[in-house]
Every structure is written in structure tokens, then in C-alpha cells.
Amino acid sequence: MSDQNHVTVIARFTPAADRAPQLRALLEGMVAPTRSEPGCRSYDLYTTETEAPDFVLLERYQDSAALEAHRTTAHYKAYRAQLSDLLAKPVEVSVLRPVNVIG
């Protein structure tokens, strides 16, 4: 499948006061099961280097169908059910499609 069909997601999470450790643990728990999904090309968790860190997921899926399949998994639904109590504000999500990529 051409790289022109892939979908990239950038999701930024701002933890509520004193909830960063719990949020990090929840997000880290998503890495292994998501990486094992057939349509997942990469799923990487980052943090900002600040006193009050944000977390950023950089996700890449084979295509939009793979992203939709991810959103129907049990681990995704369980994570989403726990997420709102850990956040200072809603997750900022950008879904990106390639315009001009080499590959």
C-alpha cells in the first residue's frame, strides 16, 4: 500500500494538577496493544521537558480504516473511559494526511 494513504495522528494531553503520573501510566499502557494492531505503523509517546509536562502521542496508521479499527478496540475504549478524570482540558487531536511524502 502506498505511503500516500497513511494517516498520522498527533494527540496532546495536558494532565490535571497532580495527575501527570496517572496519565503517563494510562498512556504508556496503550503503547504495546496499539503497536500490535495490524494497521498500526507506529505509536510513540513523548513528553515535554517542562515542570508541568504535557504528553504527546504520535500515531501512524496504514490508512483511515486502520485508525477507525483502533478506535473500536477494547483497550482504546477502556483508556478513553479513564481519560477525562486525568486531564486539565480536552485532548487536542490533529489527524493528518500526507501531501508530499517520500516513500
PDB file of N, CA and C in Angstrom:
ATOM      1  N   MET A   1       0.849  -1.186   0.000  1.00  0.00           N
ATOM      2  CA  MET A   1       0.000   0.000   0.000  1.00  0.00           C
ATOM      3  C   MET A   1       0.887   1.240   0.000  1.00  0.00           C
ATOM      4  N   SER A   2       0.515   2.214  -0.760  1.00  0.00           N
ATOM      5  CA  SER A   2       1.296   3.448  -0.900  1.00  0.00           C
ATOM      6  C   SER A   2       1.313   4.245   0.397  1.00  0.00           C
ATOM      7  N   ASP A   3       2.445   4.902   0.625  1.00  0.00           N
ATOM      8  CA  ASP A   3       2.565   5.774   1.787  1.00  0.00           C
ATOM      9  C   ASP A   3       1.594   6.945   1.700  1.00  0.00           C
ATOM     10  N   GLN A   4       1.085   7.240   0.529  1.00  0.00           N
ATOM     11  CA  GLN A   4       0.147   8.351   0.353  1.00  0.00           C
ATOM     12  C   GLN A   4      -1.187   8.101   1.051  1.00  0.00           C
ATOM     13  N   ASN A   5      -1.467   6.868   1.441  1.00  0.00           N
ATOM     14  CA  ASN A   5      -2.737   6.539   2.094  1.00  0.00           C
ATOM     15  C   ASN A   5      -2.658   6.563   3.605  1.00  0.00           C
ATOM     16  N   HIS A   6      -1.458   6.679   4.168  1.00  0.00           N
ATOM     17  CA  HIS A   6      -1.351   6.581   5.624  1.00  0.00           C
ATOM     18  C   HIS A   6      -2.001   7.792   6.312  1.00  0.00           C
ATOM     19  N   VAL A   7      -2.303   7.585   7.577  1.00  0.00           N
ATOM     20  CA  VAL A   7      -2.902   8.618   8.410  1.00  0.00           C
ATOM     21  C   VAL A   7      -2.015   8.800   9.633  1.00  0.00           C
ATOM     22  N   THR A   8      -1.704  10.034   9.954  1.00  0.00           N
ATOM     23  CA  THR A   8      -0.916  10.358  11.136  1.00  0.00           C
ATOM     24  C   THR A   8      -1.805  11.114  12.114  1.00  0.00           C
ATOM     25  N   VAL A   9      -1.704  10.768  13.373  1.00  0.00           N
ATOM     26  CA  VAL A   9      -2.478  11.434  14.421  1.00  0.00           C
ATOM     27  C   VAL A   9      -1.499  12.009  15.436  1.00  0.00           C
ATOM     28  N   ILE A  10      -1.721  13.265  15.798  1.00  0.00           N
ATOM     29  CA  ILE A  10      -0.974  13.890  16.880  1.00  0.00           C
ATOM     30  C   ILE A  10      -1.998  14.229  17.963  1.00  0.00           C
ATOM     31  N   ALA A  11      -1.803  13.656  19.145  1.00  0.00           N
ATOM     32  CA  ALA A  11      -2.723  13.898  20.261  1.00  0.00           C
ATOM     33  C   ALA A  11      -1.921  14.454  21.433  1.00  0.00           C
ATOM     34  N   ARG A  12      -2.351  15.606  21.931  1.00  0.00           N
ATOM     35  CA  ARG A  12      -1.655  16.273  23.038  1.00  0.00           C
ATOM     36  C   ARG A  12      -2.548  16.258  24.279  1.00  0.00           C
ATOM     37  N   PHE A  13      -1.965  15.834  25.395  1.00  0.00           N
ATOM     38  CA  PHE A  13      -2.672  15.657  26.659  1.00  0.00           C
ATOM     39  C   PHE A  13      -2.062  16.568  27.716  1.00  0.00           C
ATOM     40  N   THR A  14      -2.895  17.361  28.373  1.00  0.00           N
ATOM     41  CA  THR A  14      -2.457  18.206  29.480  1.00  0.00           C
ATOM     42  C   THR A  14      -3.053  17.643  30.762  1.00  0.00           C
ATOM     43  N   PRO A  15      -2.208  17.112  31.645  1.00  0.00           N
ATOM     44  CA  PRO A  15      -2.741  16.491  32.852  1.00  0.00           C
ATOM     45  C   PRO A  15      -3.314  17.512  33.833  1.00  0.00           C
ATOM     46  N   ALA A  16      -4.340  17.081  34.555  1.00  0.00           N
ATOM     47  CA  ALA A  16      -4.868  17.879  35.655  1.00  0.00           C
ATOM     48  C   ALA A  16      -3.798  17.940  36.740  1.00  0.00           C
ATOM     49  N   ALA A  17      -3.950  18.895  37.648  1.00  0.00           N
ATOM     50  CA  ALA A  17      -2.977  19.074  38.731  1.00  0.00           C
ATOM     51  C   ALA A  17      -2.737  17.755  39.462  1.00  0.00           C
ATOM     52  N   ASP A  18      -1.479  17.410  39.629  1.00  0.00           N
ATOM     53  CA  ASP A  18      -1.044  16.217  40.356  1.00  0.00           C
ATOM     54  C   ASP A  18      -1.502  14.900  39.717  1.00  0.00           C
ATOM     55  N   ARG A  19      -1.934  14.923  38.454  1.00  0.00           N
ATOM     56  CA  ARG A  19      -2.398  13.690  37.802  1.00  0.00           C
ATOM     57  C   ARG A  19      -1.438  13.201  36.712  1.00  0.00           C
ATOM     58  N   ALA A  20      -0.310  13.882  36.544  1.00  0.00           N
ATOM     59  CA  ALA A  20       0.636  13.501  35.490  1.00  0.00           C
ATOM     60  C   ALA A  20       1.105  12.045  35.613  1.00  0.00           C
ATOM     61  N   PRO A  21       1.438  11.554  36.809  1.00  0.00           N
ATOM     62  CA  PRO A  21       1.882  10.157  36.890  1.00  0.00           C
ATOM     63  C   PRO A  21       0.805   9.162  36.444  1.00  0.00           C
ATOM     64  N   GLN A  22      -0.435   9.412  36.822  1.00  0.00           N
ATOM     65  CA  GLN A  22      -1.528   8.520  36.431  1.00  0.00           C
ATOM     66  C   GLN A  22      -1.790   8.593  34.925  1.00  0.00           C
ATOM     67  N   LEU A  23      -1.735   9.814  34.388  1.00  0.00           N
ATOM     68  CA  LEU A  23      -1.942   9.979  32.951  1.00  0.00           C
ATOM     69  C   LEU A  23      -0.829   9.280  32.182  1.00  0.00           C
ATOM     70  N   ARG A  24       0.392   9.469  32.626  1.00  0.00           N
ATOM     71  CA  ARG A  24       1.513   8.812  31.942  1.00  0.00           C
ATOM     72  C   ARG A  24       1.341   7.289  31.952  1.00  0.00           C
ATOM     73  N   ALA A  25       0.973   6.739  33.089  1.00  0.00           N
ATOM     74  CA  ALA A  25       0.781   5.289  33.191  1.00  0.00           C
ATOM     75  C   ALA A  25      -0.328   4.812  32.249  1.00  0.00           C
ATOM     76  N   LEU A  26      -1.411   5.559  32.182  1.00  0.00           N
ATOM     77  CA  LEU A  26      -2.507   5.199  31.288  1.00  0.00           C
ATOM     78  C   LEU A  26      -2.051   5.220  29.833  1.00  0.00           C
ATOM     79  N   LEU A  27      -1.340   6.275  29.448  1.00  0.00           N
ATOM     80  CA  LEU A  27      -0.863   6.389  28.072  1.00  0.00           C
ATOM     81  C   LEU A  27       0.185   5.329  27.755  1.00  0.00           C
ATOM     82  N   GLU A  28       1.087   5.059  28.685  1.00  0.00           N
ATOM     83  CA  GLU A  28       2.078   4.007  28.462  1.00  0.00           C
ATOM     84  C   GLU A  28       1.410   2.648  28.279  1.00  0.00           C
ATOM     85  N   GLY A  29       0.298   2.442  28.956  1.00  0.00           N
ATOM     86  CA  GLY A  29      -0.437   1.190  28.834  1.00  0.00           C
ATOM     87  C   GLY A  29      -1.078   0.991  27.472  1.00  0.00           C
ATOM     88  N   MET A  30      -1.187   2.044  26.699  1.00  0.00           N
ATOM     89  CA  MET A  30      -1.757   1.950  25.356  1.00  0.00           C
ATOM     90  C   MET A  30      -0.717   1.563  24.305  1.00  0.00           C
ATOM     91  N   VAL A  31       0.549   1.739  24.600  1.00  0.00           N
ATOM     92  CA  VAL A  31       1.597   1.575  23.589  1.00  0.00           C
ATOM     93  C   VAL A  31       1.652   0.147  23.043  1.00  0.00           C
ATOM     94  N   ALA A  32       1.877  -0.839  23.879  1.00  0.00           N
ATOM     95  CA  ALA A  32       2.054  -2.211  23.395  1.00  0.00           C
ATOM     96  C   ALA A  32       0.825  -2.749  22.663  1.00  0.00           C
ATOM     97  N   PRO A  33      -0.385  -2.622  23.228  1.00  0.00           N
ATOM     98  CA  PRO A  33      -1.526  -3.175  22.495  1.00  0.00           C
ATOM     99  C   PRO A  33      -1.795  -2.461  21.172  1.00  0.00           C
ATOM    100  N   THR A  34      -1.552  -1.162  21.123  1.00  0.00           N
ATOM    101  CA  THR A  34      -1.789  -0.443  19.877  1.00  0.00           C
ATOM    102  C   THR A  34      -0.746  -0.806  18.839  1.00  0.00           C
ATOM    103  N   ARG A  35       0.497  -0.915  19.251  1.00  0.00           N
ATOM    104  CA  ARG A  35       1.545  -1.299  18.297  1.00  0.00           C
ATOM    105  C   ARG A  35       1.302  -2.686  17.707  1.00  0.00           C
ATOM    106  N   SER A  36       0.561  -3.523  18.414  1.00  0.00           N
ATOM    107  CA  SER A  36       0.292  -4.870  17.908  1.00  0.00           C
ATOM    108  C   SER A  36      -0.897  -4.926  16.947  1.00  0.00           C
ATOM    109  N   GLU A  37      -1.608  -3.828  16.789  1.00  0.00           N
ATOM    110  CA  GLU A  37      -2.728  -3.796  15.842  1.00  0.00           C
ATOM    111  C   GLU A  37      -2.193  -3.916  14.409  1.00  0.00           C
ATOM    112  N   PRO A  38      -2.882  -4.667  13.558  1.00  0.00           N
ATOM    113  CA  PRO A  38      -2.378  -4.898  12.198  1.00  0.00           C
ATOM    114  C   PRO A  38      -2.135  -3.629  11.380  1.00  0.00           C
ATOM    115  N   GLY A  39      -2.949  -2.609  11.531  1.00  0.00           N
ATOM    116  CA  GLY A  39      -2.807  -1.400  10.723  1.00  0.00           C
ATOM    117  C   GLY A  39      -1.950  -0.307  11.331  1.00  0.00           C
ATOM    118  N   CYS A  40      -1.376  -0.566  12.503  1.00  0.00           N
ATOM    119  CA  CYS A  40      -0.549   0.440  13.176  1.00  0.00           C
ATOM    120  C   CYS A  40       0.874   0.376  12.645  1.00  0.00           C
ATOM    121  N   ARG A  41       1.355   1.491  12.131  1.00  0.00           N
ATOM    122  CA  ARG A  41       2.744   1.571  11.667  1.00  0.00           C
ATOM    123  C   ARG A  41       3.666   2.086  12.767  1.00  0.00           C
ATOM    124  N   SER A  42       3.175   2.991  13.599  1.00  0.00           N
ATOM    125  CA  SER A  42       3.959   3.453  14.746  1.00  0.00           C
ATOM    126  C   SER A  42       3.023   4.101  15.755  1.00  0.00           C
ATOM    127  N   TYR A  43       3.440   4.058  17.012  1.00  0.00           N
ATOM    128  CA  TYR A  43       2.654   4.615  18.108  1.00  0.00           C
ATOM    129  C   TYR A  43       3.650   4.972  19.199  1.00  0.00           C
ATOM    130  N   ASP A  44       4.006   6.254  19.278  1.00  0.00           N
ATOM    131  CA  ASP A  44       5.083   6.691  20.156  1.00  0.00           C
ATOM    132  C   ASP A  44       4.597   7.775  21.113  1.00  0.00           C
ATOM    133  N   LEU A  45       4.981   7.633  22.373  1.00  0.00           N
ATOM    134  CA  LEU A  45       4.603   8.577  23.419  1.00  0.00           C
ATOM    135  C   LEU A  45       5.785   9.474  23.746  1.00  0.00           C
ATOM    136  N   TYR A  46       5.515  10.766  23.818  1.00  0.00           N
ATOM    137  CA  TYR A  46       6.523  11.770  24.147  1.00  0.00           C
ATOM    138  C   TYR A  46       6.018  12.612  25.312  1.00  0.00           C
ATOM    139  N   THR A  47       6.946  13.306  25.959  1.00  0.00           N
ATOM    140  CA  THR A  47       6.577  14.265  26.989  1.00  0.00           C
ATOM    141  C   THR A  47       7.377  15.549  26.772  1.00  0.00           C
ATOM    142  N   THR A  48       6.820  16.649  27.204  1.00  0.00           N
ATOM    143  CA  THR A  48       7.532  17.918  27.111  1.00  0.00           C
ATOM    144  C   THR A  48       8.511  18.013  28.273  1.00  0.00           C
ATOM    145  N   GLU A  49       9.557  18.778  28.078  1.00  0.00           N
ATOM    146  CA  GLU A  49      10.567  18.950  29.122  1.00  0.00           C
ATOM    147  C   GLU A  49      10.274  20.223  29.909  1.00  0.00           C
ATOM    148  N   THR A  50       9.170  20.197  30.618  1.00  0.00           N
ATOM    149  CA  THR A  50       8.755  21.340  31.428  1.00  0.00           C
ATOM    150  C   THR A  50       8.410  20.847  32.832  1.00  0.00           C
ATOM    151  N   GLU A  51       8.291  21.775  33.743  1.00  0.00           N
ATOM    152  CA  GLU A  51       7.962  21.407  35.117  1.00  0.00           C
ATOM    153  C   GLU A  51       6.603  20.721  35.198  1.00  0.00           C
ATOM    154  N   ALA A  52       5.642  21.204  34.427  1.00  0.00           N
ATOM    155  CA  ALA A  52       4.320  20.582  34.340  1.00  0.00           C
ATOM    156  C   ALA A  52       4.187  19.992  32.934  1.00  0.00           C
ATOM    157  N   PRO A  53       4.609  18.742  32.761  1.00  0.00           N
ATOM    158  CA  PRO A  53       4.701  18.192  31.409  1.00  0.00           C
ATOM    159  C   PRO A  53       3.350  17.886  30.766  1.00  0.00           C
ATOM    160  N   ASP A  54       3.313  18.069  29.464  1.00  0.00           N
ATOM    161  CA  ASP A  54       2.228  17.550  28.644  1.00  0.00           C
ATOM    162  C   ASP A  54       2.734  16.249  28.037  1.00  0.00           C
ATOM    163  N   PHE A  55       1.832  15.438  27.532  1.00  0.00           N
ATOM    164  CA  PHE A  55       2.195  14.215  26.839  1.00  0.00           C
ATOM    165  C   PHE A  55       1.671  14.300  25.417  1.00  0.00           C
ATOM    166  N   VAL A  56       2.429  13.746  24.489  1.00  0.00           N
ATOM    167  CA  VAL A  56       2.056  13.786  23.081  1.00  0.00           C
ATOM    168  C   VAL A  56       2.187  12.384  22.512  1.00  0.00           C
ATOM    169  N   LEU A  57       1.118  11.933  21.875  1.00  0.00           N
ATOM    170  CA  LEU A  57       1.164  10.674  21.142  1.00  0.00           C
ATOM    171  C   LEU A  57       1.311  10.998  19.665  1.00  0.00           C
ATOM    172  N   LEU A  58       2.265  10.371  19.029  1.00  0.00           N
ATOM    173  CA  LEU A  58       2.439  10.479  17.593  1.00  0.00           C
ATOM    174  C   LEU A  58       2.123   9.100  17.034  1.00  0.00           C
ATOM    175  N   GLU A  59       1.013   9.019  16.317  1.00  0.00           N
ATOM    176  CA  GLU A  59       0.491   7.745  15.839  1.00  0.00           C
ATOM    177  C   GLU A  59       0.481   7.737  14.315  1.00  0.00           C
ATOM    178  N   ARG A  60       0.763   6.579  13.749  1.00  0.00           N
ATOM    179  CA  ARG A  60       0.706   6.465  12.295  1.00  0.00           C
ATOM    180  C   ARG A  60       0.032   5.143  11.951  1.00  0.00           C
ATOM    181  N   TYR A  61      -0.984   5.235  11.097  1.00  0.00           N
ATOM    182  CA  TYR A  61      -1.758   4.075  10.695  1.00  0.00           C
ATOM    183  C   TYR A  61      -1.681   3.884   9.187  1.00  0.00           C
ATOM    184  N   GLN A  62      -1.843   2.654   8.761  1.00  0.00           N
ATOM    185  CA  GLN A  62      -1.777   2.289   7.351  1.00  0.00           C
ATOM    186  C   GLN A  62      -2.743   3.120   6.514  1.00  0.00           C
ATOM    187  N   ASP A  63      -3.946   3.330   7.043  1.00  0.00           N
ATOM    188  CA  ASP A  63      -4.961   4.097   6.329  1.00  0.00           C
ATOM    189  C   ASP A  63      -6.065   4.481   7.317  1.00  0.00           C
ATOM    190  N   SER A  64      -7.087   5.168   6.834  1.00  0.00           N
ATOM    191  CA  SER A  64      -8.151   5.618   7.735  1.00  0.00           C
ATOM    192  C   SER A  64      -8.940   4.447   8.310  1.00  0.00           C
ATOM    193  N   ALA A  65      -9.044   3.345   7.582  1.00  0.00           N
ATOM    194  CA  ALA A  65      -9.731   2.165   8.113  1.00  0.00           C
ATOM    195  C   ALA A  65      -8.985   1.607   9.326  1.00  0.00           C
ATOM    196  N   ALA A  66      -7.667   1.626   9.290  1.00  0.00           N
ATOM    197  CA  ALA A  66      -6.871   1.150  10.424  1.00  0.00           C
ATOM    198  C   ALA A  66      -7.056   2.052  11.639  1.00  0.00           C
ATOM    199  N   LEU A  67      -7.143   3.355  11.414  1.00  0.00           N
ATOM    200  CA  LEU A  67      -7.403   4.277  12.527  1.00  0.00           C
ATOM    201  C   LEU A  67      -8.776   4.007  13.129  1.00  0.00           C
ATOM    202  N   GLU A  68      -9.761   3.827  12.293  1.00  0.00           N
ATOM    203  CA  GLU A  68     -11.111   3.534  12.794  1.00  0.00           C
ATOM    204  C   GLU A  68     -11.135   2.204  13.546  1.00  0.00           C
ATOM    205  N   ALA A  69     -10.416   1.201  13.044  1.00  0.00           N
ATOM    206  CA  ALA A  69     -10.343  -0.083  13.743  1.00  0.00           C
ATOM    207  C   ALA A  69      -9.710   0.094  15.125  1.00  0.00           C
ATOM    208  N   HIS A  70      -8.680   0.940  15.211  1.00  0.00           N
ATOM    209  CA  HIS A  70      -8.039   1.235  16.501  1.00  0.00           C
ATOM    210  C   HIS A  70      -9.060   1.776  17.487  1.00  0.00           C
ATOM    211  N   ARG A  71      -9.902   2.656  17.024  1.00  0.00           N
ATOM    212  CA  ARG A  71     -10.885   3.304  17.908  1.00  0.00           C
ATOM    213  C   ARG A  71     -12.000   2.371  18.365  1.00  0.00           C
ATOM    214  N   THR A  72     -12.068   1.169  17.814  1.00  0.00           N
ATOM    215  CA  THR A  72     -13.088   0.198  18.236  1.00  0.00           C
ATOM    216  C   THR A  72     -12.526  -0.886  19.152  1.00  0.00           C
ATOM    217  N   THR A  73     -11.214  -0.851  19.420  1.00  0.00           N
ATOM    218  CA  THR A  73     -10.610  -1.894  20.247  1.00  0.00           C
ATOM    219  C   THR A  73     -10.999  -1.740  21.718  1.00  0.00           C
ATOM    220  N   ALA A  74     -10.926  -2.845  22.429  1.00  0.00           N
ATOM    221  CA  ALA A  74     -11.247  -2.823  23.865  1.00  0.00           C
ATOM    222  C   ALA A  74     -10.268  -1.950  24.636  1.00  0.00           C
ATOM    223  N   HIS A  75      -8.980  -1.998  24.277  1.00  0.00           N
ATOM    224  CA  HIS A  75      -8.012  -1.189  25.031  1.00  0.00           C
ATOM    225  C   HIS A  75      -8.228   0.302  24.788  1.00  0.00           C
ATOM    226  N   TYR A  76      -8.631   0.686  23.590  1.00  0.00           N
ATOM    227  CA  TYR A  76      -8.919   2.101  23.319  1.00  0.00           C
ATOM    228  C   TYR A  76     -10.139   2.560  24.116  1.00  0.00           C
ATOM    229  N   LYS A  77     -11.190   1.765  24.113  1.00  0.00           N
ATOM    230  CA  LYS A  77     -12.413   2.134  24.842  1.00  0.00           C
ATOM    231  C   LYS A  77     -12.158   2.230  26.343  1.00  0.00           C
ATOM    232  N   ALA A  78     -11.352   1.315  26.892  1.00  0.00           N
ATOM    233  CA  ALA A  78     -11.043   1.346  28.325  1.00  0.00           C
ATOM    234  C   ALA A  78     -10.219   2.582  28.676  1.00  0.00           C
ATOM    235  N   TYR A  79      -9.267   2.920  27.822  1.00  0.00           N
ATOM    236  CA  TYR A  79      -8.435   4.110  28.051  1.00  0.00           C
ATOM    237  C   TYR A  79      -9.273   5.381  27.989  1.00  0.00           C
ATOM    238  N   ARG A  80     -10.146   5.473  26.997  1.00  0.00           N
ATOM    239  CA  ARG A  80     -10.994   6.673  26.861  1.00  0.00           C
ATOM    240  C   ARG A  80     -11.919   6.834  28.075  1.00  0.00           C
ATOM    241  N   ALA A  81     -12.373   5.739  28.644  1.00  0.00           N
ATOM    242  CA  ALA A  81     -13.266   5.796  29.806  1.00  0.00           C
ATOM    243  C   ALA A  81     -12.568   6.377  31.034  1.00  0.00           C
ATOM    244  N   GLN A  82     -11.262   6.239  31.127  1.00  0.00           N
ATOM    245  CA  GLN A  82     -10.499   6.724  32.275  1.00  0.00           C
ATOM    246  C   GLN A  82      -9.892   8.101  32.064  1.00  0.00           C
ATOM    247  N   LEU A  83      -9.848   8.559  30.836  1.00  0.00           N
ATOM    248  CA  LEU A  83      -9.054   9.719  30.465  1.00  0.00           C
ATOM    249  C   LEU A  83      -9.541  11.044  31.048  1.00  0.00           C
ATOM    250  N   SER A  84     -10.821  11.317  30.993  1.00  0.00           N
ATOM    251  CA  SER A  84     -11.308  12.661  31.336  1.00  0.00           C
ATOM    252  C   SER A  84     -10.983  13.083  32.768  1.00  0.00           C
ATOM    253  N   ASP A  85     -10.935  12.144  33.697  1.00  0.00           N
ATOM    254  CA  ASP A  85     -10.621  12.473  35.090  1.00  0.00           C
ATOM    255  C   ASP A  85      -9.164  12.880  35.291  1.00  0.00           C
ATOM    256  N   LEU A  86      -8.327  12.633  34.296  1.00  0.00           N
ATOM    257  CA  LEU A  86      -6.896  12.901  34.425  1.00  0.00           C
ATOM    258  C   LEU A  86      -6.449  14.162  33.702  1.00  0.00           C
ATOM    259  N   LEU A  87      -7.367  14.818  32.988  1.00  0.00           N
ATOM    260  CA  LEU A  87      -6.995  15.933  32.120  1.00  0.00           C
ATOM    261  C   LEU A  87      -7.401  17.298  32.663  1.00  0.00           C
ATOM    262  N   ALA A  88      -6.564  18.297  32.393  1.00  0.00           N
ATOM    263  CA  ALA A  88      -6.885  19.683  32.732  1.00  0.00           C
ATOM    264  C   ALA A  88      -7.782  20.306  31.663  1.00  0.00           C
ATOM    265  N   LYS A  89      -7.703  19.760  30.439  1.00  0.00           N
ATOM    266  CA  LYS A  89      -8.523  20.251  29.325  1.00  0.00           C
ATOM    267  C   LYS A  89      -8.661  19.112  28.332  1.00  0.00           C
ATOM    268  N   PRO A  90      -9.601  19.218  27.401  1.00  0.00           N
ATOM    269  CA  PRO A  90      -9.780  18.128  26.435  1.00  0.00           C
ATOM    270  C   PRO A  90      -8.511  17.867  25.620  1.00  0.00           C
ATOM    271  N   VAL A  91      -8.378  16.644  25.174  1.00  0.00           N
ATOM    272  CA  VAL A  91      -7.246  16.248  24.330  1.00  0.00           C
ATOM    273  C   VAL A  91      -7.290  17.056  23.037  1.00  0.00           C
ATOM    274  N   GLU A  92      -6.129  17.544  22.614  1.00  0.00           N
ATOM    275  CA  GLU A  92      -6.023  18.230  21.320  1.00  0.00           C
ATOM    276  C   GLU A  92      -5.571  17.188  20.300  1.00  0.00           C
ATOM    277  N   VAL A  93      -6.432  16.909  19.314  1.00  0.00           N
ATOM    278  CA  VAL A  93      -6.135  15.873  18.329  1.00  0.00           C
ATOM    279  C   VAL A  93      -6.110  16.478  16.936  1.00  0.00           C
ATOM    280  N   SER A  94      -5.054  16.146  16.192  1.00  0.00           N
ATOM    281  CA  SER A  94      -4.961  16.505  14.775  1.00  0.00           C
ATOM    282  C   SER A  94      -4.790  15.220  13.986  1.00  0.00           C
ATOM    283  N   VAL A  95      -5.623  15.034  12.973  1.00  0.00           N
ATOM    284  CA  VAL A  95      -5.498  13.892  12.076  1.00  0.00           C
ATOM    285  C   VAL A  95      -4.951  14.433  10.775  1.00  0.00           C
ATOM    286  N   LEU A  96      -3.803  13.898  10.363  1.00  0.00           N
ATOM    287  CA  LEU A  96      -3.080  14.425   9.209  1.00  0.00           C
ATOM    288  C   LEU A  96      -3.014  13.401   8.078  1.00  0.00           C
ATOM    289  N   ARG A  97      -3.125  13.890   6.878  1.00  0.00           N
ATOM    290  CA  ARG A  97      -2.937  13.063   5.683  1.00  0.00           C
ATOM    291  C   ARG A  97      -1.760  13.622   4.916  1.00  0.00           C
ATOM    292  N   PRO A  98      -0.978  12.745   4.272  1.00  0.00           N
ATOM    293  CA  PRO A  98       0.205  13.217   3.554  1.00  0.00           C
ATOM    294  C   PRO A  98      -0.154  14.063   2.336  1.00  0.00           C
ATOM    295  N   VAL A  99       0.652  15.083   2.112  1.00  0.00           N
ATOM    296  CA  VAL A  99       0.528  15.928   0.937  1.00  0.00           C
ATOM    297  C   VAL A  99       1.678  15.647  -0.014  1.00  0.00           C
ATOM    298  N   ASN A 100       2.873  15.589   0.554  1.00  0.00           N
ATOM    299  CA  ASN A 100       4.055  15.399  -0.268  1.00  0.00           C
ATOM    300  C   ASN A 100       5.085  14.633   0.562  1.00  0.00           C
ATOM    301  N   VAL A 101       5.061  13.310   0.450  1.00  0.00           N
ATOM    302  CA  VAL A 101       5.973  12.490   1.233  1.00  0.00           C
ATOM    303  C   VAL A 101       6.878  11.676   0.310  1.00  0.00           C
ATOM    304  N   ILE A 102       8.022  11.299   0.815  1.00  0.00           N
ATOM    305  CA  ILE A 102       8.940  10.427   0.102  1.00  0.00           C
ATOM    306  C   ILE A 102       8.751   9.034   0.679  1.00  0.00           C
ATOM    307  N   GLY A 103       8.602   8.064  -0.140  1.00  0.00           N
ATOM    308  CA  GLY A 103       8.473   6.745   0.416  1.00  0.00           C
ATOM    309  C   GLY A 103       7.839   5.831  -0.508  1.00  0.00           C
TER     310      GLY A 103
END
